[in-house]
Amino acid sequence: MIHKSSAGGATELKWLRSSYSSSGDGNDCVEVVTTPATVHVRDSKDQPGPRLGFTPTTWEAFLAYASER
């Protein structure tokens, strides 16, 4: 996935993986990257596969909900 900056150049997105990933090989987790308008989420085991996109407001609401569980 490529994010094009406003200057017209391409910048590769920097995906982040949770430090709480409990897998022995570290691959059983989701990865997240944020851009100004979208929070992208993907399966770390299928990086070129499907991705979800959320607005920052929706993602913040999800994080608040999940942190209460």
PDB file of N, CA and C in Angstrom:
ATOM      1  N   MET A   1       0.849  -1.161   0.000  1.00  0.00           N
ATOM      2  CA  MET A   1       0.000   0.000   0.000  1.00  0.00           C
ATOM      3  C   MET A   1       0.899   1.229   0.000  1.00  0.00           C
ATOM      4  N   ILE A   2       0.616   2.155  -0.864  1.00  0.00           N
ATOM      5  CA  ILE A   2       1.424   3.358  -0.995  1.00  0.00           C
ATOM      6  C   ILE A   2       0.565   4.577  -0.663  1.00  0.00           C
ATOM      7  N   HIS A   3       1.152   5.479   0.080  1.00  0.00           N
ATOM      8  CA  HIS A   3       0.496   6.753   0.390  1.00  0.00           C
ATOM      9  C   HIS A   3       1.250   7.828  -0.375  1.00  0.00           C
ATOM     10  N   LYS A   4       0.574   8.570  -1.225  1.00  0.00           N
ATOM     11  CA  LYS A   4       1.221   9.636  -1.974  1.00  0.00           C
ATOM     12  C   LYS A   4       1.109  10.941  -1.191  1.00  0.00           C
ATOM     13  N   SER A   5       2.242  11.550  -0.981  1.00  0.00           N
ATOM     14  CA  SER A   5       2.243  12.814  -0.244  1.00  0.00           C
ATOM     15  C   SER A   5       1.712  13.926  -1.136  1.00  0.00           C
ATOM     16  N   SER A   6       1.395  15.051  -0.527  1.00  0.00           N
ATOM     17  CA  SER A   6       0.838  16.163  -1.285  1.00  0.00           C
ATOM     18  C   SER A   6       1.841  16.715  -2.288  1.00  0.00           C
ATOM     19  N   ALA A   7       3.125  16.467  -2.090  1.00  0.00           N
ATOM     20  CA  ALA A   7       4.148  16.945  -3.020  1.00  0.00           C
ATOM     21  C   ALA A   7       4.224  16.076  -4.266  1.00  0.00           C
ATOM     22  N   GLY A   8       3.462  14.976  -4.296  1.00  0.00           N
ATOM     23  CA  GLY A   8       3.434  14.121  -5.466  1.00  0.00           C
ATOM     24  C   GLY A   8       4.333  12.913  -5.361  1.00  0.00           C
ATOM     25  N   GLY A   9       5.224  12.851  -4.379  1.00  0.00           N
ATOM     26  CA  GLY A   9       6.091  11.697  -4.202  1.00  0.00           C
ATOM     27  C   GLY A   9       5.358  10.585  -3.489  1.00  0.00           C
ATOM     28  N   ALA A  10       5.918   9.384  -3.536  1.00  0.00           N
ATOM     29  CA  ALA A  10       5.303   8.243  -2.862  1.00  0.00           C
ATOM     30  C   ALA A  10       6.102   7.924  -1.608  1.00  0.00           C
ATOM     31  N   THR A  11       5.387   7.678  -0.545  1.00  0.00           N
ATOM     32  CA  THR A  11       6.011   7.306   0.709  1.00  0.00           C
ATOM     33  C   THR A  11       5.399   5.997   1.170  1.00  0.00           C
ATOM     34  N   GLU A  12       6.236   5.015   1.463  1.00  0.00           N
ATOM     35  CA  GLU A  12       5.715   3.736   1.942  1.00  0.00           C
ATOM     36  C   GLU A  12       5.182   3.917   3.355  1.00  0.00           C
ATOM     37  N   LEU A  13       4.029   3.332   3.614  1.00  0.00           N
ATOM     38  CA  LEU A  13       3.418   3.432   4.933  1.00  0.00           C
ATOM     39  C   LEU A  13       4.221   2.624   5.941  1.00  0.00           C
ATOM     40  N   LYS A  14       4.279   3.087   7.166  1.00  0.00           N
ATOM     41  CA  LYS A  14       5.005   2.424   8.256  1.00  0.00           C
ATOM     42  C   LYS A  14       4.003   1.688   9.137  1.00  0.00           C
ATOM     43  N   TRP A  15       3.835   0.386   8.890  1.00  0.00           N
ATOM     44  CA  TRP A  15       2.881  -0.426   9.643  1.00  0.00           C
ATOM     45  C   TRP A  15       3.442  -0.714  11.028  1.00  0.00           C
ATOM     46  N   LEU A  16       2.575  -0.653  12.032  1.00  0.00           N
ATOM     47  CA  LEU A  16       2.950  -0.919  13.422  1.00  0.00           C
ATOM     48  C   LEU A  16       2.247  -2.176  13.917  1.00  0.00           C
ATOM     49  N   ARG A  17       2.976  -2.992  14.643  1.00  0.00           N
ATOM     50  CA  ARG A  17       2.426  -4.213  15.226  1.00  0.00           C
ATOM     51  C   ARG A  17       2.419  -4.051  16.744  1.00  0.00           C
ATOM     52  N   SER A  18       1.394  -4.559  17.390  1.00  0.00           N
ATOM     53  CA  SER A  18       1.261  -4.444  18.836  1.00  0.00           C
ATOM     54  C   SER A  18       2.405  -5.130  19.562  1.00  0.00           C
ATOM     55  N   SER A  19       2.880  -4.494  20.603  1.00  0.00           N
ATOM     56  CA  SER A  19       3.904  -5.121  21.451  1.00  0.00           C
ATOM     57  C   SER A  19       3.292  -6.209  22.323  1.00  0.00           C
ATOM     58  N   TYR A  20       1.958  -6.313  22.328  1.00  0.00           N
ATOM     59  CA  TYR A  20       1.270  -7.336  23.106  1.00  0.00           C
ATOM     60  C   TYR A  20       1.061  -8.625  22.329  1.00  0.00           C
ATOM     61  N   SER A  21       1.572  -8.712  21.119  1.00  0.00           N
ATOM     62  CA  SER A  21       1.426  -9.923  20.322  1.00  0.00           C
ATOM     63  C   SER A  21       2.015 -11.090  21.105  1.00  0.00           C
ATOM     64  N   SER A  22       1.191 -12.119  21.346  1.00  0.00           N
ATOM     65  CA  SER A  22       1.622 -13.223  22.215  1.00  0.00           C
ATOM     66  C   SER A  22       2.108 -14.440  21.447  1.00  0.00           C
ATOM     67  N   SER A  23       2.189 -14.350  20.143  1.00  0.00           N
ATOM     68  CA  SER A  23       2.617 -15.490  19.346  1.00  0.00           C
ATOM     69  C   SER A  23       4.100 -15.753  19.549  1.00  0.00           C
ATOM     70  N   GLY A  24       4.464 -17.024  19.509  1.00  0.00           N
ATOM     71  CA  GLY A  24       5.868 -17.393  19.620  1.00  0.00           C
ATOM     72  C   GLY A  24       6.690 -16.851  18.472  1.00  0.00           C
ATOM     73  N   ASP A  25       6.088 -16.748  17.285  1.00  0.00           N
ATOM     74  CA  ASP A  25       6.832 -16.223  16.138  1.00  0.00           C
ATOM     75  C   ASP A  25       6.499 -14.753  15.861  1.00  0.00           C
ATOM     76  N   GLY A  26       5.611 -14.172  16.634  1.00  0.00           N
ATOM     77  CA  GLY A  26       5.296 -12.757  16.508  1.00  0.00           C
ATOM     78  C   GLY A  26       4.428 -12.381  15.325  1.00  0.00           C
ATOM     79  N   ASN A  27       3.809 -13.368  14.668  1.00  0.00           N
ATOM     80  CA  ASN A  27       3.028 -13.057  13.473  1.00  0.00           C
ATOM     81  C   ASN A  27       1.522 -13.115  13.669  1.00  0.00           C
ATOM     82  N   ASP A  28       1.027 -13.450  14.840  1.00  0.00           N
ATOM     83  CA  ASP A  28      -0.415 -13.550  15.072  1.00  0.00           C
ATOM     84  C   ASP A  28      -0.943 -12.236  15.628  1.00  0.00           C
ATOM     85  N   CYS A  29      -1.037 -11.264  14.773  1.00  0.00           N
ATOM     86  CA  CYS A  29      -1.425  -9.948  15.243  1.00  0.00           C
ATOM     87  C   CYS A  29      -1.967  -9.140  14.077  1.00  0.00           C
ATOM     88  N   VAL A  30      -2.600  -8.046  14.399  1.00  0.00           N
ATOM     89  CA  VAL A  30      -2.972  -7.089  13.367  1.00  0.00           C
ATOM     90  C   VAL A  30      -1.916  -5.995  13.336  1.00  0.00           C
ATOM     91  N   GLU A  31      -1.816  -5.336  12.218  1.00  0.00           N
ATOM     92  CA  GLU A  31      -0.923  -4.200  12.064  1.00  0.00           C
ATOM     93  C   GLU A  31      -1.765  -2.992  11.695  1.00  0.00           C
ATOM     94  N   VAL A  32      -1.315  -1.828  12.118  1.00  0.00           N
ATOM     95  CA  VAL A  32      -2.077  -0.598  11.931  1.00  0.00           C
ATOM     96  C   VAL A  32      -1.151   0.487  11.393  1.00  0.00           C
ATOM     97  N   VAL A  33      -1.694   1.321  10.534  1.00  0.00           N
ATOM     98  CA  VAL A  33      -0.980   2.515  10.075  1.00  0.00           C
ATOM     99  C   VAL A  33      -2.005   3.638   9.961  1.00  0.00           C
ATOM    100  N   THR A  34      -1.594   4.835  10.335  1.00  0.00           N
ATOM    101  CA  THR A  34      -2.512   5.970  10.251  1.00  0.00           C
ATOM    102  C   THR A  34      -2.048   6.959   9.185  1.00  0.00           C
ATOM    103  N   THR A  35      -3.010   7.527   8.515  1.00  0.00           N
ATOM    104  CA  THR A  35      -2.805   8.645   7.605  1.00  0.00           C
ATOM    105  C   THR A  35      -3.749   9.737   8.097  1.00  0.00           C
ATOM    106  N   PRO A  36      -3.653  10.930   7.598  1.00  0.00           N
ATOM    107  CA  PRO A  36      -4.519  11.990   8.114  1.00  0.00           C
ATOM    108  C   PRO A  36      -6.016  11.667   8.066  1.00  0.00           C
ATOM    109  N   ALA A  37      -6.467  10.942   7.060  1.00  0.00           N
ATOM    110  CA  ALA A  37      -7.901  10.705   6.909  1.00  0.00           C
ATOM    111  C   ALA A  37      -8.344   9.289   7.243  1.00  0.00           C
ATOM    112  N   THR A  38      -7.396   8.340   7.365  1.00  0.00           N
ATOM    113  CA  THR A  38      -7.782   6.941   7.507  1.00  0.00           C
ATOM    114  C   THR A  38      -6.824   6.194   8.424  1.00  0.00           C
ATOM    115  N   VAL A  39      -7.378   5.270   9.211  1.00  0.00           N
ATOM    116  CA  VAL A  39      -6.577   4.302   9.963  1.00  0.00           C
ATOM    117  C   VAL A  39      -6.743   2.971   9.236  1.00  0.00           C
ATOM    118  N   HIS A  40      -5.637   2.431   8.745  1.00  0.00           N
ATOM    119  CA  HIS A  40      -5.647   1.184   7.987  1.00  0.00           C
ATOM    120  C   HIS A  40      -5.265   0.040   8.919  1.00  0.00           C
ATOM    121  N   VAL A  41      -5.956  -1.117   8.773  1.00  0.00           N
ATOM    122  CA  VAL A  41      -5.699  -2.286   9.610  1.00  0.00           C
ATOM    123  C   VAL A  41      -5.565  -3.501   8.692  1.00  0.00           C
ATOM    124  N   ARG A  42      -4.552  -4.349   8.963  1.00  0.00           N
ATOM    125  CA  ARG A  42      -4.361  -5.564   8.170  1.00  0.00           C
ATOM    126  C   ARG A  42      -3.915  -6.703   9.071  1.00  0.00           C
ATOM    127  N   ASP A  43      -4.041  -7.919   8.571  1.00  0.00           N
ATOM    128  CA  ASP A  43      -3.580  -9.129   9.243  1.00  0.00           C
ATOM    129  C   ASP A  43      -2.089  -9.272   8.984  1.00  0.00           C
ATOM    130  N   SER A  44      -1.296  -9.392  10.038  1.00  0.00           N
ATOM    131  CA  SER A  44       0.153  -9.481   9.865  1.00  0.00           C
ATOM    132  C   SER A  44       0.580 -10.741   9.110  1.00  0.00           C
ATOM    133  N   LYS A  45      -0.267 -11.775   9.106  1.00  0.00           N
ATOM    134  CA  LYS A  45       0.065 -13.017   8.402  1.00  0.00           C
ATOM    135  C   LYS A  45      -0.273 -12.937   6.917  1.00  0.00           C
ATOM    136  N   ASP A  46      -1.053 -11.945   6.496  1.00  0.00           N
ATOM    137  CA  ASP A  46      -1.485 -11.804   5.110  1.00  0.00           C
ATOM    138  C   ASP A  46      -1.333 -10.341   4.695  1.00  0.00           C
ATOM    139  N   GLN A  47      -0.108  -9.847   4.720  1.00  0.00           N
ATOM    140  CA  GLN A  47       0.138  -8.426   4.498  1.00  0.00           C
ATOM    141  C   GLN A  47      -0.372  -7.892   3.160  1.00  0.00           C
ATOM    142  N   PRO A  48      -0.280  -8.633   2.059  1.00  0.00           N
ATOM    143  CA  PRO A  48      -0.835  -8.095   0.817  1.00  0.00           C
ATOM    144  C   PRO A  48      -2.351  -8.302   0.696  1.00  0.00           C
ATOM    145  N   GLY A  49      -2.936  -9.000   1.657  1.00  0.00           N
ATOM    146  CA  GLY A  49      -4.360  -9.329   1.610  1.00  0.00           C
ATOM    147  C   GLY A  49      -5.261  -8.158   1.928  1.00  0.00           C
ATOM    148  N   PRO A  50      -6.520  -8.451   2.259  1.00  0.00           N
ATOM    149  CA  PRO A  50      -7.508  -7.397   2.521  1.00  0.00           C
ATOM    150  C   PRO A  50      -7.118  -6.503   3.691  1.00  0.00           C
ATOM    151  N   ARG A  51      -7.549  -5.273   3.601  1.00  0.00           N
ATOM    152  CA  ARG A  51      -7.303  -4.291   4.666  1.00  0.00           C
ATOM    153  C   ARG A  51      -8.604  -3.581   4.988  1.00  0.00           C
ATOM    154  N   LEU A  52      -8.703  -3.173   6.218  1.00  0.00           N
ATOM    155  CA  LEU A  52      -9.855  -2.386   6.655  1.00  0.00           C
ATOM    156  C   LEU A  52      -9.420  -0.933   6.792  1.00  0.00           C
ATOM    157  N   GLY A  53     -10.341  -0.031   6.569  1.00  0.00           N
ATOM    158  CA  GLY A  53     -10.068   1.382   6.747  1.00  0.00           C
ATOM    159  C   GLY A  53     -11.128   2.021   7.622  1.00  0.00           C
ATOM    160  N   PHE A  54     -10.689   2.824   8.572  1.00  0.00           N
ATOM    161  CA  PHE A  54     -11.597   3.492   9.506  1.00  0.00           C
ATOM    162  C   PHE A  54     -11.263   4.976   9.553  1.00  0.00           C
ATOM    163  N   THR A  55     -12.263   5.789   9.841  1.00  0.00           N
ATOM    164  CA  THR A  55     -11.982   7.192  10.105  1.00  0.00           C
ATOM    165  C   THR A  55     -11.274   7.272  11.450  1.00  0.00           C
ATOM    166  N   PRO A  56     -10.459   8.280  11.675  1.00  0.00           N
ATOM    167  CA  PRO A  56      -9.803   8.404  12.984  1.00  0.00           C
ATOM    168  C   PRO A  56     -10.796   8.436  14.148  1.00  0.00           C
ATOM    169  N   THR A  57     -11.956   9.072  13.961  1.00  0.00           N
ATOM    170  CA  THR A  57     -12.959   9.140  15.026  1.00  0.00           C
ATOM    171  C   THR A  57     -13.501   7.752  15.355  1.00  0.00           C
ATOM    172  N   THR A  58     -13.788   6.969  14.337  1.00  0.00           N
ATOM    173  CA  THR A  58     -14.288   5.606  14.554  1.00  0.00           C
ATOM    174  C   THR A  58     -13.229   4.752  15.226  1.00  0.00           C
ATOM    175  N   TRP A  59     -11.976   4.875  14.813  1.00  0.00           N
ATOM    176  CA  TRP A  59     -10.888   4.099  15.410  1.00  0.00           C
ATOM    177  C   TRP A  59     -10.711   4.472  16.885  1.00  0.00           C
ATOM    178  N   GLU A  60     -10.762   5.748  17.197  1.00  0.00           N
ATOM    179  CA  GLU A  60     -10.648   6.190  18.593  1.00  0.00           C
ATOM    180  C   GLU A  60     -11.769   5.623  19.440  1.00  0.00           C
ATOM    181  N   ALA A  61     -12.986   5.570  18.900  1.00  0.00           N
ATOM    182  CA  ALA A  61     -14.125   4.996  19.627  1.00  0.00           C
ATOM    183  C   ALA A  61     -13.902   3.499  19.863  1.00  0.00           C
ATOM    184  N   PHE A  62     -13.386   2.808  18.855  1.00  0.00           N
ATOM    185  CA  PHE A  62     -13.092   1.381  19.013  1.00  0.00           C
ATOM    186  C   PHE A  62     -12.036   1.168  20.091  1.00  0.00           C
ATOM    187  N   LEU A  63     -10.965   1.945  20.079  1.00  0.00           N
ATOM    188  CA  LEU A  63      -9.913   1.792  21.088  1.00  0.00           C
ATOM    189  C   LEU A  63     -10.441   2.042  22.491  1.00  0.00           C
ATOM    190  N   ALA A  64     -11.291   3.051  22.654  1.00  0.00           N
ATOM    191  CA  ALA A  64     -11.888   3.324  23.964  1.00  0.00           C
ATOM    192  C   ALA A  64     -12.738   2.140  24.416  1.00  0.00           C
ATOM    193  N   TYR A  65     -13.527   1.595  23.504  1.00  0.00           N
ATOM    194  CA  TYR A  65     -14.368   0.430  23.817  1.00  0.00           C
ATOM    195  C   TYR A  65     -13.494  -0.772  24.178  1.00  0.00           C
ATOM    196  N   ALA A  66     -12.489  -1.060  23.355  1.00  0.00           N
ATOM    197  CA  ALA A  66     -11.646  -2.243  23.587  1.00  0.00           C
ATOM    198  C   ALA A  66     -10.834  -2.133  24.878  1.00  0.00           C
ATOM    199  N   SER A  67     -10.419  -0.932  25.224  1.00  0.00           N
ATOM    200  CA  SER A  67      -9.607  -0.778  26.439  1.00  0.00           C
ATOM    201  C   SER A  67     -10.427  -1.009  27.706  1.00  0.00           C
ATOM    202  N   GLU A  68     -11.745  -0.929  27.606  1.00  0.00           N
ATOM    203  CA  GLU A  68     -12.619  -1.190  28.759  1.00  0.00           C
ATOM    204  C   GLU A  68     -12.878  -2.670  28.961  1.00  0.00           C
ATOM    205  N   ARG A  69     -12.503  -3.495  28.017  1.00  0.00           N
ATOM    206  CA  ARG A  69     -12.786  -4.938  28.074  1.00  0.00           C
ATOM    207  C   ARG A  69     -11.665  -5.694  28.680  1.00  0.00           C
TER     208      ARG A  69
END
